[in-house]
């Protein structure tokens, strides 16, 4: 093969030819070195599925350097791989190389950049394999089946005791561990409060419980979410306990979200003695708070239960109960911020099948609504 030399050639003093010190370069070497890079850049400028398949064609038809190599897959064994909050595609790729999940970063980064779904990869622990192809690794991170932890959903309004039972059942952690962690509420991040309790501060949501998390870790995560919601709603720390208390009552007393702002207004009107109360604050007299005090599920209460001496008994004591009676969600907290306009002092659910609730400004009007409920209940028993 003929060679071409870069640099100058010349004649030495004795007339012999001298060769440049620059190393020889094969013809076409520059093209071969640059072409793969050009192709990859071109693919990365593509969008969606076409970009992904274009990338796969490139890595199949060109021999990249070892830095760009990819395992053929499907991989072997098992690796617990963690995606941290804020991890970029590049950071995920780097960590997977360290764990020997993928061979190098570039193929994965290219796929990540061309996959809109990749933005949905959530922080957490995943069960992957060693020496996977970049494509298989990405698909595994996008699959809920790869999550190593447990996913637990806590509904709005649930009491702490019921939350502990659900978490124990889903995670296998003894319920006693959750009860103990809940009692040490300050260690969870709950502020000091009149109820001396974590009740109300365990925010209802869906949580991914990672392997190795303790009961304290899980409850701390829920309290942190609660604090995050407080900041998002821009409710001051000084008002937060009151907000959680009122919102927790609304969760129990109103079935229809459209009634949340109305029930909130009734609570505030009673506390302030508004409307027909003529400036004299009224007891709230809420069966939901009495039920909580008696640790029963049924909202309807008996005279004996309503006589219980408890700071949660709003038949016996003025004002709000000492603390939340459950763990409220966003919608009831928004109702606390924006109660409906009205002078109502009473409400009653006149049809417990549909949840139809009627509001009244006066005791006489309320009595008519109560009678409507009695009639409905009587027909229901026939």
Protein backbone atom coordinates (compact mmCIF):
# COMPACT_ATOMS: atom_id res chain seq x y z
CA UNK A 1 0.00 0.00 0.00
CA UNK A 2 1.35 3.42 -0.84
CA UNK A 3 1.79 5.87 2.04
CA UNK A 4 1.37 9.58 2.21
CA UNK A 5 3.41 11.53 4.76
CA UNK A 6 2.51 14.77 6.43
CA UNK A 7 5.18 17.35 7.17
CA UNK A 8 8.09 18.52 5.03
CA UNK A 9 10.68 16.37 3.32
CA UNK A 10 14.03 17.72 2.30
CA UNK A 11 17.63 16.93 1.48
CA UNK A 12 20.36 16.51 4.11
CA UNK A 13 23.81 18.06 3.76
CA UNK A 14 25.09 14.86 2.17
CA UNK A 15 22.23 14.96 -0.30
CA UNK A 16 20.21 12.06 1.16
CA UNK A 17 16.50 12.40 1.70
CA UNK A 18 15.31 12.92 5.29
CA UNK A 19 11.90 11.86 6.63
CA UNK A 20 9.63 14.07 8.75
CA UNK A 21 9.29 13.16 12.41
CA UNK A 22 5.47 13.29 12.10
CA UNK A 23 3.90 9.79 12.19
CA UNK A 24 2.31 8.40 9.05
CA UNK A 25 -1.47 8.57 8.60
CA UNK A 26 -3.48 6.05 6.64
CA UNK A 27 -5.52 7.38 3.78
CA UNK A 28 -9.12 7.83 4.82
CA UNK A 29 -8.19 7.67 8.53
CA UNK A 30 -9.76 11.02 9.33
CA UNK A 31 -13.02 10.04 7.67
CA UNK A 32 -13.18 6.76 9.58
CA UNK A 33 -12.54 8.53 12.85
CA UNK A 34 -15.07 11.29 12.32
CA UNK A 35 -17.89 9.42 10.56
CA UNK A 36 -19.26 7.56 13.63
CA UNK A 37 -19.29 10.80 15.60
CA UNK A 38 -21.13 12.62 12.84
CA UNK A 39 -23.69 9.83 12.62
CA UNK A 40 -24.29 9.79 16.38
CA UNK A 41 -24.70 13.58 16.47
CA UNK A 42 -27.12 13.35 13.57
CA UNK A 43 -29.14 10.70 15.39
CA UNK A 44 -29.22 12.73 18.58
CA UNK A 45 -30.78 15.57 16.59
CA UNK A 46 -33.63 13.20 15.74
CA UNK A 47 -36.75 12.97 17.84
CA UNK A 48 -38.94 10.23 19.26
CA UNK A 49 -38.93 6.66 18.03
CA UNK A 50 -37.09 7.49 14.81
CA UNK A 51 -34.16 8.83 16.81
CA UNK A 52 -33.99 5.69 18.95
CA UNK A 53 -34.09 3.30 16.01
CA UNK A 54 -31.57 5.45 14.16
CA UNK A 55 -29.22 5.16 17.10
CA UNK A 56 -29.62 1.39 17.19
CA UNK A 57 -28.73 1.21 13.48
CA UNK A 58 -25.56 3.19 14.08
CA UNK A 59 -24.32 1.08 17.00
CA UNK A 60 -25.09 -2.08 15.01
CA UNK A 61 -23.24 -1.07 11.85
CA UNK A 62 -20.19 0.72 13.19
CA UNK A 63 -17.39 -0.41 15.43
CA UNK A 64 -17.14 2.22 18.16
CA UNK A 65 -14.30 2.59 20.58
CA UNK A 66 -14.42 0.70 23.87
CA UNK A 67 -15.73 3.86 25.56
CA UNK A 68 -18.87 3.54 23.43
CA UNK A 69 -19.33 -0.24 23.73
CA UNK A 70 -22.55 -1.89 24.87
CA UNK A 71 -23.30 -5.28 26.33
CA UNK A 72 -25.47 -7.48 24.11
CA UNK A 73 -27.74 -8.35 27.06
CA UNK A 74 -29.93 -9.64 28.56
CA UNK A 75 -27.61 -9.73 31.58
CA UNK A 76 -27.21 -12.10 34.49
CA UNK A 77 -27.79 -12.20 38.25
CA UNK A 78 -29.38 -9.32 40.11
CA UNK A 79 -28.26 -5.82 41.07
CA UNK A 80 -30.15 -3.51 43.41
CA UNK A 81 -29.69 -0.17 41.69
CA UNK A 82 -30.78 3.14 43.18
CA UNK A 83 -31.90 6.19 41.25
CA UNK A 84 -31.52 9.25 43.45
CA UNK A 85 -33.73 12.31 43.38
CA UNK A 86 -32.39 14.77 40.81
CA UNK A 87 -30.31 12.19 38.91
CA UNK A 88 -29.87 13.07 35.23
CA UNK A 89 -29.60 10.53 32.44
CA UNK A 90 -25.83 11.02 32.51
CA UNK A 91 -25.63 10.42 36.26
CA UNK A 92 -27.80 7.30 36.00
CA UNK A 93 -25.56 5.99 33.22
CA UNK A 94 -22.39 6.67 35.22
CA UNK A 95 -23.77 4.85 38.25
CA UNK A 96 -24.89 1.90 36.15
CA UNK A 97 -21.39 1.59 34.67
CA UNK A 98 -19.95 1.51 38.21
CA UNK A 99 -22.41 -1.27 39.09
CA UNK A 100 -21.54 -3.14 35.85
CA UNK A 101 -25.13 -2.94 34.70
CA UNK A 102 -24.09 -1.39 31.36
CA UNK A 103 -20.73 -1.33 29.63
CA UNK A 104 -20.38 2.41 28.99
CA UNK A 105 -22.33 5.61 29.30
CA UNK A 106 -22.74 6.86 25.73
CA UNK A 107 -25.23 4.31 24.37
CA UNK A 108 -27.50 4.73 27.40
CA UNK A 109 -27.27 8.53 27.35
CA UNK A 110 -28.21 8.56 23.67
CA UNK A 111 -31.23 6.36 24.28
CA UNK A 112 -32.24 8.38 27.34
CA UNK A 113 -32.07 11.63 25.37
CA UNK A 114 -34.27 10.25 22.61
CA UNK A 115 -36.90 8.66 24.86
CA UNK A 116 -39.60 11.03 26.18
CA UNK A 117 -40.64 8.28 28.61
CA UNK A 118 -37.22 8.41 30.26
CA UNK A 119 -38.23 11.57 32.11
CA UNK A 120 -40.73 9.43 34.06
CA UNK A 121 -38.01 7.37 35.76
CA UNK A 122 -38.71 7.89 39.45
CA UNK A 123 -36.22 7.89 42.31
CA UNK A 124 -36.05 4.56 44.08
CA UNK A 125 -34.44 1.15 44.10
CA UNK A 126 -34.69 -1.13 41.05
CA UNK A 127 -33.89 -4.80 40.47
CA UNK A 128 -31.57 -4.87 37.45
CA UNK A 129 -29.04 -7.37 36.10
CA UNK A 130 -25.34 -7.21 35.48
CA UNK A 131 -24.16 -6.62 31.91
CA UNK A 132 -27.45 -5.57 30.35
CA UNK A 133 -27.73 -3.77 27.04
CA UNK A 134 -28.46 -0.05 27.40
CA UNK A 135 -31.86 -0.50 25.79
CA UNK A 136 -32.84 -3.28 28.22
CA UNK A 137 -31.57 -1.28 31.19
CA UNK A 138 -33.67 1.72 30.18
CA UNK A 139 -36.78 -0.40 29.71
CA UNK A 140 -36.23 -1.99 33.13
CA UNK A 141 -36.06 1.44 34.78
CA UNK A 142 -39.34 2.35 33.10
CA UNK A 143 -41.10 -0.83 34.26
CA UNK A 144 -42.99 -0.79 37.60
CA UNK A 145 -42.19 -4.50 37.89
CA UNK A 146 -38.52 -3.63 38.39
CA UNK A 147 -39.15 -1.63 41.54
CA UNK A 148 -37.52 -3.37 44.49
CA UNK A 149 -39.63 -1.71 47.18
CA UNK A 150 -43.31 -1.77 48.10
CA UNK A 151 -45.82 0.79 46.90
CA UNK A 152 -48.39 1.77 49.54
CA UNK A 153 -51.31 4.17 49.10
CA UNK A 154 -52.70 6.01 52.13
CA UNK A 155 -56.17 7.51 51.50
CA UNK A 156 -57.29 10.91 52.74
CA UNK A 157 -58.77 11.08 56.22
CA UNK A 158 -57.28 7.83 57.52
CA UNK A 159 -56.38 7.77 61.22
CA UNK A 160 -52.80 7.19 62.29
CA UNK A 161 -53.70 3.87 63.91
CA UNK A 162 -55.17 2.63 60.62
CA UNK A 163 -52.15 3.95 58.70
CA UNK A 164 -49.84 1.95 60.96
CA UNK A 165 -51.87 -1.20 60.35
CA UNK A 166 -51.85 -0.73 56.58
CA UNK A 167 -48.13 -0.02 56.46
CA UNK A 168 -47.39 -3.06 58.60
CA UNK A 169 -49.46 -5.31 56.35
CA UNK A 170 -47.83 -4.01 53.15
CA UNK A 171 -44.22 -3.91 54.37
CA UNK A 172 -44.04 -6.78 56.85
CA UNK A 173 -42.69 -4.41 59.51
CA UNK A 174 -44.40 -5.10 62.88
CA UNK A 175 -47.21 -2.68 63.62
CA UNK A 176 -45.67 -2.16 67.07
CA UNK A 177 -42.69 -0.53 65.36
CA UNK A 178 -44.95 2.04 63.72
CA UNK A 179 -46.82 2.70 66.95
CA UNK A 180 -43.54 3.26 68.81
CA UNK A 181 -42.18 5.53 66.08
CA UNK A 182 -45.43 7.51 66.04
CA UNK A 183 -45.29 8.15 69.77
CA UNK A 184 -41.87 9.77 69.40
CA UNK A 185 -43.47 12.26 67.02
CA UNK A 186 -40.85 15.00 67.41
CA UNK A 187 -38.19 12.61 66.10
CA UNK A 188 -40.27 12.27 62.91
CA UNK A 189 -40.16 16.00 62.26
CA UNK A 190 -43.62 16.77 63.65
CA UNK A 191 -43.63 20.09 65.52
CA UNK A 192 -44.66 20.28 69.15
CA UNK A 193 -48.45 20.54 69.24
CA UNK A 194 -51.26 20.59 71.83
CA UNK A 195 -52.26 17.00 71.03
CA UNK A 196 -48.67 15.73 71.46
CA UNK A 197 -49.30 13.49 68.49
CA UNK A 198 -48.32 12.73 64.89
CA UNK A 199 -52.03 12.52 63.98
CA UNK A 200 -52.76 14.80 61.04
CA UNK A 201 -49.10 15.10 60.03
CA UNK A 202 -48.86 11.79 58.11
CA UNK A 203 -49.76 13.02 54.67
CA UNK A 204 -52.03 10.74 52.60
CA UNK A 205 -50.37 9.82 49.31
CA UNK A 206 -48.77 6.93 47.45
CA UNK A 207 -45.34 6.03 48.79
CA UNK A 208 -42.59 3.76 47.52
CA UNK A 209 -41.12 1.94 50.49
CA UNK A 210 -37.51 1.08 49.70
CA UNK A 211 -35.77 -2.06 50.98
CA UNK A 212 -34.24 -1.59 54.41
CA UNK A 213 -36.47 1.32 55.46
CA UNK A 214 -37.56 1.24 59.10
CA UNK A 215 -40.92 2.27 60.51
CA UNK A 216 -39.35 5.54 61.60
CA UNK A 217 -37.94 6.13 58.10
CA UNK A 218 -41.36 5.61 56.52
CA UNK A 219 -43.22 7.89 58.92
CA UNK A 220 -40.51 10.53 58.58
CA UNK A 221 -41.01 10.45 54.82
CA UNK A 222 -44.74 11.03 55.29
CA UNK A 223 -44.15 13.93 57.68
CA UNK A 224 -41.71 15.47 55.20
CA UNK A 225 -44.42 15.25 52.52
CA UNK A 226 -46.83 16.95 54.91
CA UNK A 227 -44.38 19.82 55.39
CA UNK A 228 -43.86 20.06 51.63
CA UNK A 229 -47.63 20.43 51.11
CA UNK A 230 -47.78 23.14 53.80
CA UNK A 231 -45.20 25.14 51.92
CA UNK A 232 -46.91 24.59 48.57
CA UNK A 233 -50.20 25.86 50.01
CA UNK A 234 -48.36 28.74 51.70
CA UNK A 235 -49.97 28.15 55.09
CA UNK A 236 -47.88 29.52 57.95
CA UNK A 237 -46.40 27.13 60.53
CA UNK A 238 -48.41 28.95 63.22
CA UNK A 239 -51.70 28.12 61.43
CA UNK A 240 -50.79 24.60 60.30
CA UNK A 241 -52.09 22.69 63.33
CA UNK A 242 -55.41 24.51 63.12
CA UNK A 243 -55.56 23.88 59.36
CA UNK A 244 -54.93 20.16 59.81
CA UNK A 245 -57.52 19.96 62.59
CA UNK A 246 -60.31 21.64 60.63
CA UNK A 247 -59.43 19.82 57.40
CA UNK A 248 -59.46 16.47 59.21
CA UNK A 249 -62.98 17.18 60.50
CA UNK A 250 -64.16 18.12 57.01
CA UNK A 251 -62.76 14.83 55.70
CA UNK A 252 -65.07 12.96 58.08
CA UNK A 253 -68.14 15.18 57.93
CA UNK A 254 -68.45 15.85 54.17
CA UNK A 255 -68.69 13.17 51.50
CA UNK A 256 -68.96 15.42 48.45
CA UNK A 257 -65.86 17.55 47.72
CA UNK A 258 -68.21 20.34 46.67
CA UNK A 259 -69.36 20.53 50.30
CA UNK A 260 -65.84 20.90 51.72
CA UNK A 261 -65.83 24.73 51.59
CA UNK A 262 -69.37 24.88 53.07
CA UNK A 263 -68.58 22.61 56.02
CA UNK A 264 -65.43 24.63 56.63
CA UNK A 265 -67.53 27.81 56.72
CA UNK A 266 -69.99 26.30 59.23
CA UNK A 267 -67.11 25.38 61.55
CA UNK A 268 -65.70 28.89 61.36
CA UNK A 269 -69.13 30.50 61.79
CA UNK A 270 -69.80 28.44 64.93
CA UNK A 271 -66.40 29.29 66.39
CA UNK A 272 -66.97 32.98 65.67
CA UNK A 273 -70.66 33.10 66.67
CA UNK A 274 -71.59 34.41 63.23
CA UNK A 275 -75.06 34.95 61.79
CA UNK A 276 -77.97 33.83 63.95
CA UNK A 277 -75.53 33.09 66.80
CA UNK A 278 -75.44 36.86 67.37
CA UNK A 279 -71.75 36.97 68.21
CA UNK A 280 -71.86 34.16 70.78
CA UNK A 281 -69.49 31.27 69.88
CA UNK A 282 -71.22 27.91 69.67
CA UNK A 283 -69.95 24.45 70.55
CA UNK A 284 -69.12 22.51 67.41
CA UNK A 285 -70.98 19.39 68.66
CA UNK A 286 -69.53 17.09 66.02
CA UNK A 287 -70.05 13.34 66.22
CA UNK A 288 -66.87 12.81 64.19
CA UNK A 289 -64.73 14.20 67.01
CA UNK A 290 -66.63 12.16 69.60
CA UNK A 291 -66.14 9.02 67.53
CA UNK A 292 -62.41 9.71 67.45
CA UNK A 293 -62.35 10.26 71.22
CA UNK A 294 -64.12 6.92 71.74
CA UNK A 295 -61.95 5.17 69.16
CA UNK A 296 -64.91 3.96 67.12
CA UNK A 297 -65.45 3.96 63.35
CA UNK A 298 -69.16 4.78 63.32
CA UNK A 299 -69.76 8.53 63.07
CA UNK A 300 -73.15 8.29 64.82
CA UNK A 301 -72.64 8.38 68.58
CA UNK A 302 -74.64 7.64 71.73
CA UNK A 303 -75.37 9.97 74.68
CA UNK A 304 -72.89 7.99 76.76
CA UNK A 305 -70.15 8.44 74.16
CA UNK A 306 -70.93 12.14 73.87
CA UNK A 307 -70.48 12.47 77.64
CA UNK A 308 -66.88 11.21 77.50
CA UNK A 309 -64.40 13.58 79.13
CA UNK A 310 -61.92 14.07 76.29
CA UNK A 311 -60.24 17.11 74.73
CA UNK A 312 -61.60 15.77 71.42
CA UNK A 313 -65.22 15.91 72.64
CA UNK A 314 -66.72 18.98 70.96
CA UNK A 315 -70.06 18.37 72.68
CA UNK A 316 -68.41 18.88 76.04
CA UNK A 317 -65.75 21.48 75.29
CA UNK A 318 -65.79 24.75 73.39
CA UNK A 319 -63.72 25.38 70.30
CA UNK A 320 -61.79 22.97 68.14
CA UNK A 321 -60.64 19.59 69.42
CA UNK A 322 -57.07 19.48 70.70
CA UNK A 323 -55.80 18.18 67.38
CA UNK A 324 -56.64 16.50 64.05
CA UNK A 325 -58.90 13.43 64.05
CA UNK A 326 -57.30 11.98 60.93
CA UNK A 327 -54.84 12.86 58.22
CA UNK A 328 -56.37 15.26 55.69
CA UNK A 329 -55.53 15.66 52.02
CA UNK A 330 -54.98 18.63 49.75
CA UNK A 331 -58.61 19.36 48.86
CA UNK A 332 -59.83 19.81 52.42
CA UNK A 333 -56.76 21.92 53.20
CA UNK A 334 -57.63 24.12 50.24
CA UNK A 335 -61.17 24.41 51.62
CA UNK A 336 -59.64 25.62 54.89
CA UNK A 337 -57.91 28.35 52.90
CA UNK A 338 -60.99 29.25 50.88
CA UNK A 339 -64.23 28.53 52.79
CA UNK A 340 -67.50 29.25 51.00
CA UNK A 341 -69.42 32.46 51.66
CA UNK A 342 -72.48 31.95 53.84
CA UNK A 343 -74.00 32.34 57.30
CA UNK A 344 -74.73 28.66 57.83
CA UNK A 345 -74.49 27.29 61.34
CA UNK A 346 -75.81 23.77 60.72
CA UNK A 347 -75.68 20.93 58.24
CA UNK A 348 -77.13 17.45 58.01
CA UNK A 349 -76.79 14.67 55.47
CA UNK A 350 -80.40 13.96 54.47
CA UNK A 351 -79.54 10.95 52.31
CA UNK A 352 -76.62 8.84 53.45
CA UNK A 353 -76.76 6.76 50.26
CA UNK A 354 -76.02 9.71 47.99
CA UNK A 355 -74.37 11.96 50.56
CA UNK A 356 -76.85 14.78 49.87
CA UNK A 357 -76.21 17.40 52.56
CA UNK A 358 -78.29 20.45 53.40
CA UNK A 359 -77.06 23.57 55.17
CA UNK A 360 -79.08 25.93 57.36
CA UNK A 361 -78.62 29.37 58.91
CA UNK A 362 -81.12 28.93 61.74
CA UNK A 363 -82.07 26.18 64.18
CA UNK A 364 -85.64 26.10 62.81
CA UNK A 365 -84.43 25.61 59.26
CA UNK A 366 -82.03 22.95 60.45
CA UNK A 367 -84.81 21.07 62.26
CA UNK A 368 -86.73 20.81 58.98
CA UNK A 369 -83.64 19.31 57.33
CA UNK A 370 -83.20 16.88 60.23
CA UNK A 371 -86.81 15.78 59.84
CA UNK A 372 -86.16 15.17 56.14
CA UNK A 373 -83.31 12.87 57.17
CA UNK A 374 -85.55 11.07 59.69
CA UNK A 375 -88.18 10.49 57.01
CA UNK A 376 -85.55 9.15 54.62
CA UNK A 377 -84.16 6.83 57.31
CA UNK A 378 -87.63 5.57 58.15
CA UNK A 379 -88.36 4.76 54.51
CA UNK A 380 -85.00 3.07 54.26
CA UNK A 381 -85.94 0.65 57.05
CA UNK A 382 -89.23 -0.37 55.40
